[in-house]
Amino acid sequence: MNNPFKEIQGNESLPEDHREKVLGDIDKTKLFLDLANFFLTEHPKVILTLFDNTKNN
């Protein structure tokens, strides 16, 4: 079985619309990961800190 990646020529490039779509997908994925990080790690830490501070007072 031949490796299809070895058949790709170095001077060939994707059409501009494919490049824009891939970059858009990467941006959407990064946004999703940033939102997930905020709501699943940072936000609960803030809430826990708030409750910890109220217990001490």
C-alpha atoms as a PDB file:
ATOM      1  CA  MET A   1       0.000   0.000   0.000  1.00  0.00           C
ATOM      2  CA  ASN A   2       1.427   3.373  -1.008  1.00  0.00           C
ATOM      3  CA  ASN A   3       1.543   6.304   1.365  1.00  0.00           C
ATOM      4  CA  PRO A   4      -0.662   9.014  -0.225  1.00  0.00           C
ATOM      5  CA  PHE A   5       1.233  11.764   1.587  1.00  0.00           C
ATOM      6  CA  LYS A   6       4.400  10.887  -0.280  1.00  0.00           C
ATOM      7  CA  GLU A   7       2.567  11.478  -3.544  1.00  0.00           C
ATOM      8  CA  ILE A   8       1.800  15.129  -2.706  1.00  0.00           C
ATOM      9  CA  GLN A   9       4.078  17.467  -4.575  1.00  0.00           C
ATOM     10  CA  GLY A  10       5.846  20.178  -2.610  1.00  0.00           C
ATOM     11  CA  ASN A  11       4.916  22.930  -5.046  1.00  0.00           C
ATOM     12  CA  GLU A  12       1.191  22.156  -5.034  1.00  0.00           C
ATOM     13  CA  SER A  13      -1.003  24.302  -2.818  1.00  0.00           C
ATOM     14  CA  LEU A  14      -4.617  24.225  -1.781  1.00  0.00           C
ATOM     15  CA  PRO A  15      -7.123  26.649  -3.231  1.00  0.00           C
ATOM     16  CA  GLU A  16      -7.596  29.798  -1.154  1.00  0.00           C
ATOM     17  CA  ASP A  17     -11.156  28.889  -0.123  1.00  0.00           C
ATOM     18  CA  HIS A  18      -9.932  25.608   1.411  1.00  0.00           C
ATOM     19  CA  ARG A  19      -7.238  27.476   3.303  1.00  0.00           C
ATOM     20  CA  GLU A  20      -9.796  29.940   4.678  1.00  0.00           C
ATOM     21  CA  LYS A  21     -12.127  27.106   5.693  1.00  0.00           C
ATOM     22  CA  VAL A  22      -9.354  25.253   7.533  1.00  0.00           C
ATOM     23  CA  LEU A  23      -8.232  28.408   9.333  1.00  0.00           C
ATOM     24  CA  GLY A  24     -11.847  29.172  10.241  1.00  0.00           C
ATOM     25  CA  ASP A  25     -12.289  25.671  11.652  1.00  0.00           C
ATOM     26  CA  ILE A  26      -9.112  26.081  13.695  1.00  0.00           C
ATOM     27  CA  ASP A  27     -10.362  29.411  15.062  1.00  0.00           C
ATOM     28  CA  LYS A  28     -13.724  27.879  16.005  1.00  0.00           C
ATOM     29  CA  THR A  29     -12.001  24.972  17.740  1.00  0.00           C
ATOM     30  CA  LYS A  30      -9.737  27.332  19.677  1.00  0.00           C
ATOM     31  CA  LEU A  31     -12.748  29.424  20.736  1.00  0.00           C
ATOM     32  CA  PHE A  32     -14.587  26.301  21.896  1.00  0.00           C
ATOM     33  CA  LEU A  33     -11.570  25.129  23.904  1.00  0.00           C
ATOM     34  CA  ASP A  34     -11.125  28.579  25.469  1.00  0.00           C
ATOM     35  CA  LEU A  35     -14.802  28.689  26.480  1.00  0.00           C
ATOM     36  CA  ALA A  36     -14.649  25.154  27.858  1.00  0.00           C
ATOM     37  CA  ASN A  37     -11.517  26.060  29.809  1.00  0.00           C
ATOM     38  CA  PHE A  38     -13.195  29.141  31.252  1.00  0.00           C
ATOM     39  CA  PHE A  39     -16.414  27.453  32.324  1.00  0.00           C
ATOM     40  CA  LEU A  40     -14.924  24.150  33.463  1.00  0.00           C
ATOM     41  CA  THR A  41     -11.771  25.307  35.241  1.00  0.00           C
ATOM     42  CA  GLU A  42     -11.643  29.054  35.882  1.00  0.00           C
ATOM     43  CA  HIS A  43     -15.296  29.726  36.690  1.00  0.00           C
ATOM     44  CA  PRO A  44     -15.630  26.975  39.355  1.00  0.00           C
ATOM     45  CA  LYS A  45     -12.432  28.222  41.005  1.00  0.00           C
ATOM     46  CA  VAL A  46     -13.969  31.681  41.357  1.00  0.00           C
ATOM     47  CA  ILE A  47     -17.177  30.272  42.846  1.00  0.00           C
ATOM     48  CA  LEU A  48     -15.243  28.074  45.278  1.00  0.00           C
ATOM     49  CA  THR A  49     -13.136  31.053  46.334  1.00  0.00           C
ATOM     50  CA  LEU A  50     -16.302  33.063  46.962  1.00  0.00           C
ATOM     51  CA  PHE A  51     -17.757  30.333  49.168  1.00  0.00           C
ATOM     52  CA  ASP A  52     -14.450  29.873  51.004  1.00  0.00           C
ATOM     53  CA  ASN A  53     -14.319  33.595  51.789  1.00  0.00           C
ATOM     54  CA  THR A  54     -17.869  33.646  53.146  1.00  0.00           C
ATOM     55  CA  LYS A  55     -17.134  30.726  55.491  1.00  0.00           C
ATOM     56  CA  ASN A  56     -14.181  32.587  57.022  1.00  0.00           C
ATOM     57  CA  ASN A  57     -16.211  35.735  57.770  1.00  0.00           C
END
